[in-house]
Protein backbone atom coordinates (compact mmCIF):
# COMPACT_ATOMS: atom_id res chain seq x y z
CA MET A 1 -10.78 -26.86 -29.64
CA LYS A 2 -13.25 -25.29 -27.22
CA LYS A 3 -11.31 -26.47 -24.18
CA SER A 4 -8.03 -24.90 -25.32
CA TYR A 5 -9.83 -21.60 -26.01
CA ILE A 6 -11.28 -21.59 -22.50
CA SER A 7 -7.93 -22.44 -20.96
CA ARG A 8 -6.31 -19.52 -22.84
CA ILE A 9 -8.98 -17.18 -21.50
CA THR A 10 -8.42 -18.51 -17.98
CA VAL A 11 -4.67 -17.95 -18.22
CA ALA A 12 -5.22 -14.41 -19.52
CA VAL A 13 -7.58 -13.60 -16.65
CA LYS A 14 -5.15 -14.97 -14.06
CA GLU A 15 -2.29 -12.92 -15.52
CA GLU A 16 -4.43 -9.80 -15.40
CA GLN A 17 -5.33 -10.47 -11.77
CA ILE A 18 -1.65 -10.92 -10.91
CA MET A 19 -0.82 -7.61 -12.58
CA LEU A 20 -3.63 -5.90 -10.67
CA ALA A 21 -2.32 -7.27 -7.39
CA GLU A 22 1.24 -6.21 -8.20
CA SER A 23 0.13 -2.69 -9.05
CA LYS A 24 -1.93 -2.53 -5.85
CA TYR A 25 1.06 -3.54 -3.74
CA SER A 26 3.33 -1.05 -5.49
CA VAL A 27 0.85 1.75 -4.77
CA ILE A 28 0.75 0.74 -1.10
CA ILE A 29 4.55 0.82 -0.87
CA MET A 30 4.86 4.12 -2.74
CA SER A 31 2.23 5.79 -0.57
CA SER A 32 3.68 4.59 2.73
CA ALA A 33 7.32 5.33 1.85
CA PRO A 34 7.13 9.12 2.47
CA VAL A 35 5.54 8.58 5.87
CA LEU A 36 8.23 6.10 6.87
CA LEU A 37 11.01 8.35 5.60
CA PHE A 38 9.85 11.62 7.20
CA TYR A 39 8.49 10.32 10.51
CA PRO A 40 11.89 10.05 12.25
CA PHE A 41 12.55 13.73 11.51
CA ILE A 42 9.17 15.03 12.71
CA ARG A 43 8.63 12.59 15.57
CA LYS A 44 9.54 15.18 18.21
CA TYR A 45 6.67 17.41 17.06
CA PHE A 46 4.21 14.53 17.34
CA VAL A 47 5.42 13.73 20.85
CA LYS A 48 5.25 17.39 21.86
CA GLY A 49 1.67 17.65 20.54
CA VAL A 50 0.60 14.54 22.42
CA MET A 51 2.17 15.78 25.65
CA ILE A 52 0.53 19.21 25.34
CA GLY A 53 -2.83 17.59 24.70
CA SER A 54 -2.53 15.26 27.68
CA ILE A 55 -1.80 17.90 30.33
CA LYS A 56 -4.90 19.06 32.20
CA GLY A 57 -5.36 22.34 33.89
């Protein structure tokens, strides 16, 4: 009886950890998606800023 109770708790904890990992990965994807989508359109401004900052004199 005690062993089955402990195994049910273990399964519940593992499922919760899997859900936490899935939510963490979804947040990573959702936060990096705008950067990946908009970077090709604003890349020329980044390059221009780097070139202006690298010129001495």
